[in-house]
Protein backbone atom coordinates (compact mmCIF):
# COMPACT_ATOMS: atom_id res chain seq x y z
CA MET A 1 0.00 0.00 0.00
CA VAL A 2 1.24 3.50 -0.83
CA LEU A 3 0.68 6.52 1.38
CA ARG A 4 -1.93 8.68 -0.31
CA ALA A 5 -1.68 12.20 1.02
CA ASP A 6 -4.90 13.14 -0.80
CA THR A 7 -6.76 10.38 1.04
CA VAL A 8 -5.42 11.63 4.36
CA GLU A 9 -6.22 15.24 3.48
CA ASN A 10 -9.80 14.36 2.48
CA ARG A 11 -10.32 12.68 5.84
CA LEU A 12 -8.75 15.66 7.62
CA LEU A 13 -11.20 17.98 5.85
CA ARG A 14 -14.09 15.80 6.99
CA LEU A 15 -12.61 15.85 10.49
CA GLU A 16 -12.61 19.66 10.43
CA THR A 17 -16.34 19.58 9.70
CA VAL A 18 -16.89 17.23 12.62
CA ILE A 19 -14.76 19.43 14.90
CA SER A 20 -16.79 22.51 13.95
CA GLU A 21 -20.03 20.74 14.74
CA LEU A 22 -18.69 19.38 18.03
CA MET A 23 -17.58 22.90 19.00
CA ARG A 24 -21.07 24.18 18.25
CA LEU A 25 -22.61 21.42 20.33
CA ALA A 26 -20.14 21.95 23.17
CA SER A 27 -21.21 25.59 23.44
CA ALA A 28 -24.78 24.57 24.29
CA ASP A 29 -26.13 24.33 27.81
CA PRO A 30 -25.48 20.75 29.04
CA GLU A 31 -29.10 20.56 30.20
CA VAL A 32 -30.16 20.53 26.54
CA PHE A 33 -28.51 17.12 26.17
CA ARG A 34 -29.88 15.76 29.41
CA GLU A 35 -33.41 16.74 28.38
CA SER A 36 -33.33 15.67 24.73
CA LEU A 37 -32.40 12.24 23.50
CA ALA A 38 -32.16 13.60 19.94
CA GLU A 39 -29.60 16.21 21.01
CA MET A 40 -27.56 13.61 22.91
CA TRP A 41 -27.58 11.40 19.82
CA LYS A 42 -26.06 14.26 17.83
CA VAL A 43 -23.20 14.45 20.30
CA GLU A 44 -22.70 10.69 20.37
CA ARG A 45 -22.71 10.41 16.57
CA GLY A 46 -20.31 13.34 16.18
CA LEU A 47 -17.89 11.82 18.67
CA GLN A 48 -18.13 8.42 16.95
CA VAL A 49 -17.50 9.84 13.47
CA GLY A 50 -14.61 11.94 14.75
CA ALA A 51 -13.02 8.97 16.49
CA GLU A 52 -13.39 6.78 13.42
CA LEU A 53 -11.77 9.43 11.24
CA LEU A 54 -8.77 9.51 13.59
CA PHE A 55 -8.55 5.72 13.45
CA ASP A 56 -8.86 5.67 9.64
CA ILE A 57 -6.18 8.33 9.17
CA GLY A 58 -3.85 6.69 11.66
CA THR A 59 -4.30 3.22 10.19
CA HIS A 60 -3.70 4.46 6.65
CA ILE A 61 -0.44 6.13 7.67
CA LEU A 62 0.80 3.19 9.73
CA VAL A 63 0.06 0.62 7.03
CA ALA A 64 1.10 2.64 3.98
CA GLN A 65 4.17 4.38 5.36
CA PHE A 66 5.49 1.98 7.96
CA GLY A 67 4.04 -1.44 7.08
CA VAL A 68 2.43 -1.69 10.52
CA SER A 69 -1.10 -3.11 10.77
CA PRO A 70 -2.63 -2.19 14.12
CA GLN A 71 -4.56 -5.10 15.57
CA GLU A 72 -6.84 -2.93 17.68
CA TYR A 73 -7.94 0.69 17.69
CA ARG A 74 -5.98 1.34 20.89
CA ASP A 75 -2.74 0.42 19.08
CA ILE A 76 -3.10 3.19 16.49
CA PHE A 77 -2.12 6.23 18.54
CA GLU A 78 0.74 4.38 20.23
CA GLY A 79 2.02 3.32 16.79
CA LEU A 80 1.78 6.88 15.47
CA ALA A 81 3.72 8.19 18.48
CA ARG A 82 6.34 5.45 18.12
CA GLN A 83 6.86 6.47 14.48
CA LYS A 84 6.96 10.16 15.52
CA VAL A 85 3.88 11.03 13.46
CA ILE A 86 2.13 12.47 16.52
CA SER A 87 3.49 13.52 19.88
CA ARG A 88 3.62 11.15 22.82
CA THR A 89 1.53 13.70 24.79
CA LEU A 90 -1.27 13.60 22.24
CA ALA A 91 -1.14 9.81 22.03
CA GLU A 92 -1.58 9.66 25.81
CA ARG A 93 -4.59 12.00 25.69
CA LEU A 94 -6.19 9.92 22.93
CA ARG A 95 -5.50 6.59 24.65
CA GLY A 96 -9.05 6.10 25.94
CA LEU A 97 -10.73 7.03 22.66
CA ALA A 98 -10.79 3.44 21.39
CA GLY A 99 -12.67 2.19 24.42
CA PHE A 100 -15.05 5.13 24.32
CA ARG A 101 -15.76 4.53 20.61
CA ASN A 102 -16.55 0.89 21.38
CA VAL A 103 -18.98 1.94 24.10
CA LEU A 104 -20.63 4.37 21.67
CA VAL A 105 -21.06 1.67 19.05
CA HIS A 106 -21.67 -1.49 21.07
CA SER A 107 -22.86 -0.47 24.52
CA TYR A 108 -24.99 2.53 23.71
CA MET A 109 -27.63 1.41 26.18
CA ASP A 110 -25.09 1.75 29.00
CA LEU A 111 -23.74 5.17 28.05
CA ASP A 112 -23.12 7.55 30.91
CA PRO A 113 -24.27 11.02 29.79
CA VAL A 114 -21.60 12.63 31.98
CA ARG A 115 -18.89 10.65 30.19
CA VAL A 116 -20.32 11.63 26.81
CA LEU A 117 -20.36 15.32 27.74
CA ASP A 118 -16.83 15.09 29.19
CA ASN A 119 -15.67 13.71 25.85
CA LEU A 120 -17.56 16.44 24.02
CA GLU A 121 -15.67 19.04 26.04
CA ARG A 122 -12.25 17.52 25.19
CA ALA A 123 -12.76 16.22 21.67
CA PRO A 124 -12.59 19.44 19.61
CA LYS A 125 -9.20 20.36 21.07
CA ASP A 126 -7.79 16.83 20.83
CA PHE A 127 -9.13 16.23 17.32
CA SER A 128 -7.79 19.61 16.17
CA GLU A 129 -4.36 18.87 17.59
CA PHE A 130 -4.39 15.48 15.88
CA ALA A 131 -5.20 17.14 12.53
CA ARG A 132 -2.43 19.70 13.03
CA GLU A 133 0.18 17.10 13.96
CA ILE A 134 -0.79 14.88 11.01
CA ARG A 135 -0.54 17.83 8.62
CA ASP A 136 2.85 18.80 10.09
CA TRP A 137 4.05 15.24 9.61
CA LEU A 138 2.72 15.12 6.03
CA GLU A 139 4.56 18.36 5.20
CA GLY A 140 7.76 16.75 6.47
CA GLN A 141 7.21 13.84 4.07
CA SER A 142 6.95 16.07 0.99
CA PRO A 143 10.06 16.13 -1.18
CA GLY A 144 11.68 19.48 -1.55
């Protein structure tokens, strides 16, 4: 597999859309989400899509550039940090995202609204930093 910068960039653009929407949602009164299942679903779906974009981008880079196939979502950020694609600090902050994504997808009946809203508060910053670090790394890969 060959690293396709355009594929990564397209996913980063989609991630920026997700980040913007999460920022908008995060600015709302938390009571809105506690009182409306539809509003909480928006948050949950936005967090899920954002997480999956990070996993897709990270997996593409690890496989195409380094020949590393992560076995689990939680291995992706560690692998990116090991290859110096993202910082160790960011990888540590994103460590729990794999488990949270699995709860969103598979254990949605057991979701703790406080945990969802905590993730909503952190996600825009963490996702934005991920996008910035990926773009910085991509620029370093460009010949010239």
